[in-house]
Amino acid sequence: MNIISLEKISEFIDDAKGKPWEYRYQLIENDSFTPWGGNMFKPSDAYIEYDCYMSHYDEIKEIQINPIESKYIGKLVANKIFDHTKDVCVVLEDLKIGYEIINYLVTIKLH
């Protein structure tokens, strides 16, 4: 398995800004996943953060992206579902970042 550099992940974070995708990551230490959240960013050279969850790059085993958006339309109308899987894949392929799609989630294995 290729280890994906922090620089590549930083490029992905920049390209994904403002997208309606949700993220979570799995930690190496205990295999637990963080809760789902949005707007991933890189507050410093070695850390990745989204919502209020921040971890050092070396502590993250994988990042999962939920490309399915459920948009509230109104009280009497069902939510509208948008599948952004192709959009996520295009960004990752352009950056040459390897990924897998497992149970509709796009998974980037870091370590």
N, C-alpha and C. Protein backbone atom coordinates (compact mmCIF):
# COMPACT_ATOMS: atom_id res chain seq x y z
N MET A 1 0.85 -1.18 0.00
CA MET A 1 0.00 0.00 0.00
C MET A 1 0.89 1.24 0.00
N ASN A 2 0.58 2.20 -0.84
CA ASN A 2 1.31 3.46 -0.89
C ASN A 2 0.85 4.37 0.22
N ILE A 3 1.79 5.01 0.87
CA ILE A 3 1.44 6.01 1.88
C ILE A 3 1.22 7.32 1.15
N ILE A 4 0.11 7.96 1.43
CA ILE A 4 -0.25 9.21 0.78
C ILE A 4 0.35 10.36 1.58
N SER A 5 1.05 11.23 0.88
CA SER A 5 1.75 12.32 1.57
C SER A 5 0.78 13.37 2.11
N LEU A 6 1.23 14.05 3.13
CA LEU A 6 0.44 15.13 3.71
C LEU A 6 0.21 16.24 2.69
N GLU A 7 1.17 16.45 1.79
CA GLU A 7 1.01 17.48 0.75
C GLU A 7 -0.18 17.15 -0.16
N LYS A 8 -0.32 15.88 -0.53
CA LYS A 8 -1.45 15.47 -1.38
C LYS A 8 -2.77 15.66 -0.66
N ILE A 9 -2.80 15.29 0.62
CA ILE A 9 -4.02 15.47 1.40
C ILE A 9 -4.33 16.95 1.54
N SER A 10 -3.31 17.78 1.69
CA SER A 10 -3.51 19.23 1.77
C SER A 10 -4.13 19.76 0.49
N GLU A 11 -3.67 19.26 -0.66
CA GLU A 11 -4.25 19.66 -1.94
C GLU A 11 -5.71 19.25 -2.02
N PHE A 12 -6.01 18.03 -1.54
CA PHE A 12 -7.39 17.56 -1.54
C PHE A 12 -8.26 18.46 -0.67
N ILE A 13 -7.77 18.80 0.51
CA ILE A 13 -8.52 19.66 1.43
C ILE A 13 -8.82 21.00 0.76
N ASP A 14 -7.84 21.57 0.08
CA ASP A 14 -8.05 22.84 -0.63
C ASP A 14 -9.11 22.70 -1.72
N ASP A 15 -9.03 21.62 -2.50
CA ASP A 15 -9.98 21.41 -3.60
C ASP A 15 -11.39 21.11 -3.10
N ALA A 16 -11.50 20.55 -1.90
CA ALA A 16 -12.81 20.14 -1.37
C ALA A 16 -13.52 21.23 -0.58
N LYS A 17 -12.89 22.39 -0.41
CA LYS A 17 -13.51 23.47 0.36
C LYS A 17 -14.85 23.85 -0.24
N GLY A 18 -15.84 23.97 0.64
CA GLY A 18 -17.17 24.39 0.21
C GLY A 18 -18.03 23.30 -0.40
N LYS A 19 -17.49 22.11 -0.52
CA LYS A 19 -18.27 20.99 -1.08
C LYS A 19 -19.20 20.44 0.01
N PRO A 20 -20.34 19.87 -0.38
CA PRO A 20 -21.31 19.39 0.63
C PRO A 20 -21.01 17.97 1.13
N TRP A 21 -19.74 17.60 1.17
CA TRP A 21 -19.35 16.26 1.61
C TRP A 21 -19.12 16.26 3.11
N GLU A 22 -19.31 15.09 3.72
CA GLU A 22 -19.02 14.93 5.14
C GLU A 22 -17.78 14.04 5.28
N TYR A 23 -17.05 14.23 6.37
CA TYR A 23 -15.81 13.51 6.60
C TYR A 23 -15.80 12.89 7.98
N ARG A 24 -14.99 11.86 8.10
CA ARG A 24 -14.60 11.33 9.40
C ARG A 24 -13.29 10.61 9.17
N TYR A 25 -12.54 10.40 10.23
CA TYR A 25 -11.33 9.62 10.06
C TYR A 25 -11.19 8.59 11.16
N GLN A 26 -10.40 7.58 10.82
CA GLN A 26 -10.14 6.48 11.74
C GLN A 26 -8.73 6.67 12.29
N LEU A 27 -8.62 6.56 13.59
CA LEU A 27 -7.33 6.72 14.24
C LEU A 27 -6.58 5.39 14.31
N ILE A 28 -5.28 5.44 14.17
CA ILE A 28 -4.44 4.23 14.21
C ILE A 28 -4.47 3.61 15.60
N GLU A 29 -4.38 4.44 16.61
CA GLU A 29 -4.22 4.03 18.00
C GLU A 29 -5.29 3.05 18.48
N ASN A 30 -6.56 3.33 18.18
CA ASN A 30 -7.61 2.46 18.73
C ASN A 30 -8.67 2.06 17.70
N ASP A 31 -8.41 2.31 16.44
CA ASP A 31 -9.31 1.94 15.34
C ASP A 31 -10.70 2.57 15.46
N SER A 32 -10.85 3.58 16.30
CA SER A 32 -12.15 4.23 16.41
C SER A 32 -12.31 5.29 15.32
N PHE A 33 -13.54 5.57 14.97
CA PHE A 33 -13.84 6.62 14.00
C PHE A 33 -14.33 7.86 14.74
N THR A 34 -13.98 9.01 14.22
CA THR A 34 -14.54 10.25 14.73
C THR A 34 -15.95 10.39 14.17
N PRO A 35 -16.80 11.21 14.76
CA PRO A 35 -18.15 11.43 14.21
C PRO A 35 -18.07 12.14 12.85
N TRP A 36 -19.16 12.07 12.10
CA TRP A 36 -19.22 12.75 10.80
C TRP A 36 -19.26 14.25 10.99
N GLY A 37 -18.61 14.95 10.09
CA GLY A 37 -18.61 16.41 10.12
C GLY A 37 -18.21 16.97 8.76
N GLY A 38 -18.27 18.27 8.62
CA GLY A 38 -17.96 18.89 7.34
C GLY A 38 -16.79 19.84 7.41
N ASN A 39 -16.45 20.42 6.27
CA ASN A 39 -15.42 21.46 6.14
C ASN A 39 -14.08 21.07 6.75
N MET A 40 -13.40 20.16 6.11
CA MET A 40 -12.08 19.75 6.56
C MET A 40 -11.07 20.85 6.22
N PHE A 41 -10.11 21.05 7.11
CA PHE A 41 -9.05 22.01 6.83
C PHE A 41 -7.77 21.61 7.55
N LYS A 42 -6.70 22.30 7.24
CA LYS A 42 -5.38 21.99 7.78
C LYS A 42 -4.88 23.19 8.56
N PRO A 43 -5.04 23.20 9.89
CA PRO A 43 -4.70 24.38 10.68
C PRO A 43 -3.19 24.60 10.84
N SER A 44 -2.38 23.57 10.65
CA SER A 44 -0.93 23.71 10.75
C SER A 44 -0.28 22.68 9.84
N ASP A 45 1.02 22.65 9.83
CA ASP A 45 1.75 21.78 8.91
C ASP A 45 1.46 20.30 9.08
N ALA A 46 1.17 19.85 10.27
CA ALA A 46 1.05 18.41 10.50
C ALA A 46 -0.31 17.94 10.99
N TYR A 47 -1.29 18.84 11.08
CA TYR A 47 -2.59 18.48 11.62
C TYR A 47 -3.69 18.61 10.58
N ILE A 48 -4.70 17.75 10.74
CA ILE A 48 -5.91 17.80 9.91
C ILE A 48 -7.08 17.99 10.87
N GLU A 49 -7.98 18.87 10.50
CA GLU A 49 -9.11 19.18 11.38
C GLU A 49 -10.39 19.31 10.56
N TYR A 50 -11.50 18.90 11.14
CA TYR A 50 -12.83 19.20 10.61
C TYR A 50 -13.74 19.39 11.81
N ASP A 51 -14.69 20.29 11.67
CA ASP A 51 -15.55 20.66 12.80
C ASP A 51 -14.66 20.90 14.02
N CYS A 52 -14.82 20.12 15.07
CA CYS A 52 -13.98 20.34 16.26
C CYS A 52 -13.05 19.16 16.53
N TYR A 53 -12.75 18.36 15.51
CA TYR A 53 -11.88 17.20 15.68
C TYR A 53 -10.56 17.45 14.97
N MET A 54 -9.48 17.46 15.74
CA MET A 54 -8.16 17.71 15.18
C MET A 54 -7.24 16.57 15.57
N SER A 55 -6.49 16.07 14.59
CA SER A 55 -5.53 15.00 14.84
C SER A 55 -4.27 15.23 14.03
N HIS A 56 -3.18 14.73 14.55
CA HIS A 56 -1.92 14.78 13.83
C HIS A 56 -2.03 13.82 12.65
N TYR A 57 -1.46 14.20 11.52
CA TYR A 57 -1.52 13.38 10.31
C TYR A 57 -1.05 11.95 10.57
N ASP A 58 0.01 11.78 11.36
CA ASP A 58 0.57 10.45 11.61
C ASP A 58 -0.33 9.57 12.47
N GLU A 59 -1.35 10.14 13.09
CA GLU A 59 -2.28 9.37 13.93
C GLU A 59 -3.50 8.87 13.16
N ILE A 60 -3.65 9.29 11.91
CA ILE A 60 -4.84 8.97 11.14
C ILE A 60 -4.57 7.79 10.21
N LYS A 61 -5.38 6.77 10.34
CA LYS A 61 -5.25 5.57 9.52
C LYS A 61 -5.92 5.76 8.17
N GLU A 62 -7.15 6.29 8.16
CA GLU A 62 -7.86 6.52 6.92
C GLU A 62 -8.87 7.65 7.07
N ILE A 63 -9.20 8.26 5.94
CA ILE A 63 -10.22 9.29 5.89
C ILE A 63 -11.38 8.73 5.09
N GLN A 64 -12.59 8.87 5.61
CA GLN A 64 -13.79 8.46 4.87
C GLN A 64 -14.57 9.70 4.48
N ILE A 65 -15.08 9.66 3.26
CA ILE A 65 -15.86 10.78 2.73
C ILE A 65 -17.25 10.25 2.40
N ASN A 66 -18.26 10.90 2.94
CA ASN A 66 -19.65 10.56 2.61
C ASN A 66 -20.10 11.53 1.52
N PRO A 67 -20.22 11.04 0.27
CA PRO A 67 -20.57 11.92 -0.84
C PRO A 67 -22.07 12.10 -1.04
N ILE A 68 -22.87 11.50 -0.18
CA ILE A 68 -24.33 11.57 -0.33
C ILE A 68 -24.85 12.75 0.49
N GLU A 69 -25.49 13.69 -0.20
CA GLU A 69 -26.03 14.89 0.44
C GLU A 69 -27.55 14.77 0.52
N SER A 70 -28.09 14.99 1.70
CA SER A 70 -29.53 15.02 1.89
C SER A 70 -29.91 16.46 2.19
N LYS A 71 -30.63 17.07 1.28
CA LYS A 71 -30.93 18.50 1.40
C LYS A 71 -32.39 18.69 1.79
N TYR A 72 -32.60 19.45 2.85
CA TYR A 72 -33.94 19.75 3.33
C TYR A 72 -34.61 20.71 2.35
N ILE A 73 -35.79 20.33 1.85
CA ILE A 73 -36.52 21.15 0.89
C ILE A 73 -37.66 21.89 1.58
N GLY A 74 -38.37 21.19 2.42
CA GLY A 74 -39.48 21.82 3.12
C GLY A 74 -40.20 20.81 3.98
N LYS A 75 -41.11 21.31 4.77
CA LYS A 75 -41.83 20.48 5.73
C LYS A 75 -42.68 19.39 5.06
N LEU A 76 -43.30 19.70 3.95
CA LEU A 76 -44.21 18.75 3.30
C LEU A 76 -43.57 18.01 2.13
N VAL A 77 -42.30 18.23 1.92
CA VAL A 77 -41.61 17.61 0.79
C VAL A 77 -40.46 16.76 1.33
N ALA A 78 -40.27 15.60 0.75
CA ALA A 78 -39.15 14.74 1.17
C ALA A 78 -37.82 15.40 0.84
N ASN A 79 -36.80 15.08 1.66
CA ASN A 79 -35.46 15.61 1.40
C ASN A 79 -35.00 15.20 0.01
N LYS A 80 -34.25 16.04 -0.64
CA LYS A 80 -33.67 15.75 -1.94
C LYS A 80 -32.30 15.13 -1.71
N ILE A 81 -32.03 14.02 -2.37
CA ILE A 81 -30.77 13.30 -2.21
C ILE A 81 -29.89 13.56 -3.44
N PHE A 82 -28.64 13.97 -3.19
CA PHE A 82 -27.67 14.20 -4.25
C PHE A 82 -26.48 13.28 -4.02
N ASP A 83 -26.07 12.57 -5.05
CA ASP A 83 -24.91 11.68 -4.97
C ASP A 83 -23.72 12.37 -5.64
N HIS A 84 -22.74 12.76 -4.83
CA HIS A 84 -21.56 13.47 -5.33
C HIS A 84 -20.35 12.54 -5.47
N THR A 85 -20.57 11.23 -5.55
CA THR A 85 -19.47 10.28 -5.63
C THR A 85 -18.55 10.58 -6.82
N LYS A 86 -19.13 10.84 -7.98
CA LYS A 86 -18.30 11.12 -9.16
C LYS A 86 -17.44 12.36 -8.95
N ASP A 87 -18.00 13.38 -8.31
CA ASP A 87 -17.25 14.61 -8.05
C ASP A 87 -16.05 14.34 -7.14
N VAL A 88 -16.26 13.56 -6.09
CA VAL A 88 -15.17 13.21 -5.17
C VAL A 88 -14.09 12.43 -5.92
N CYS A 89 -14.51 11.46 -6.71
CA CYS A 89 -13.56 10.62 -7.45
C CYS A 89 -12.74 11.43 -8.45
N VAL A 90 -13.37 12.38 -9.12
CA VAL A 90 -12.65 13.23 -10.08
C VAL A 90 -11.56 14.02 -9.37
N VAL A 91 -11.88 14.61 -8.23
CA VAL A 91 -10.88 15.38 -7.47
C VAL A 91 -9.73 14.47 -7.06
N LEU A 92 -10.03 13.30 -6.52
CA LEU A 92 -8.98 12.38 -6.07
C LEU A 92 -8.14 11.88 -7.23
N GLU A 93 -8.77 11.56 -8.35
CA GLU A 93 -8.02 11.09 -9.52
C GLU A 93 -7.14 12.19 -10.09
N ASP A 94 -7.62 13.42 -10.13
CA ASP A 94 -6.81 14.54 -10.62
C ASP A 94 -5.56 14.73 -9.76
N LEU A 95 -5.69 14.48 -8.46
CA LEU A 95 -4.57 14.63 -7.54
C LEU A 95 -3.74 13.35 -7.42
N LYS A 96 -4.16 12.31 -8.13
CA LYS A 96 -3.48 11.00 -8.08
C LYS A 96 -3.43 10.44 -6.66
N ILE A 97 -4.56 10.54 -5.97
CA ILE A 97 -4.72 9.97 -4.63
C ILE A 97 -5.54 8.70 -4.77
N GLY A 98 -4.99 7.59 -4.29
CA GLY A 98 -5.69 6.32 -4.34
C GLY A 98 -6.86 6.30 -3.37
N TYR A 99 -7.92 5.60 -3.76
CA TYR A 99 -9.11 5.52 -2.91
C TYR A 99 -9.86 4.23 -3.21
N GLU A 100 -10.78 3.90 -2.33
CA GLU A 100 -11.70 2.78 -2.52
C GLU A 100 -13.10 3.28 -2.21
N ILE A 101 -14.09 2.66 -2.83
CA ILE A 101 -15.48 2.94 -2.47
C ILE A 101 -16.00 1.70 -1.75
N ILE A 102 -16.32 1.87 -0.48
CA ILE A 102 -16.79 0.76 0.36
C ILE A 102 -18.12 1.18 0.96
N ASN A 103 -19.19 0.47 0.63
CA ASN A 103 -20.53 0.78 1.15
C ASN A 103 -20.88 2.25 0.93
N TYR A 104 -20.73 2.73 -0.26
CA TYR A 104 -21.02 4.08 -0.74
C TYR A 104 -20.09 5.15 -0.18
N LEU A 105 -19.17 4.80 0.71
CA LEU A 105 -18.23 5.76 1.29
C LEU A 105 -16.92 5.73 0.50
N VAL A 106 -16.37 6.88 0.21
CA VAL A 106 -15.08 6.97 -0.45
C VAL A 106 -14.02 6.96 0.65
N THR A 107 -13.10 6.00 0.58
CA THR A 107 -12.11 5.79 1.64
C THR A 107 -10.71 6.03 1.11
N ILE A 108 -9.95 6.88 1.82
CA ILE A 108 -8.55 7.15 1.51
C ILE A 108 -7.73 6.55 2.64
N LYS A 109 -6.95 5.53 2.32
CA LYS A 109 -6.10 4.90 3.34
C LYS A 109 -4.77 5.64 3.39
N LEU A 110 -4.44 6.17 4.57
CA LEU A 110 -3.22 6.96 4.72
C LEU A 110 -2.04 6.13 5.19
N HIS A 111 -2.26 5.25 6.14
CA HIS A 111 -1.16 4.45 6.70
C HIS A 111 -1.59 3.00 6.81
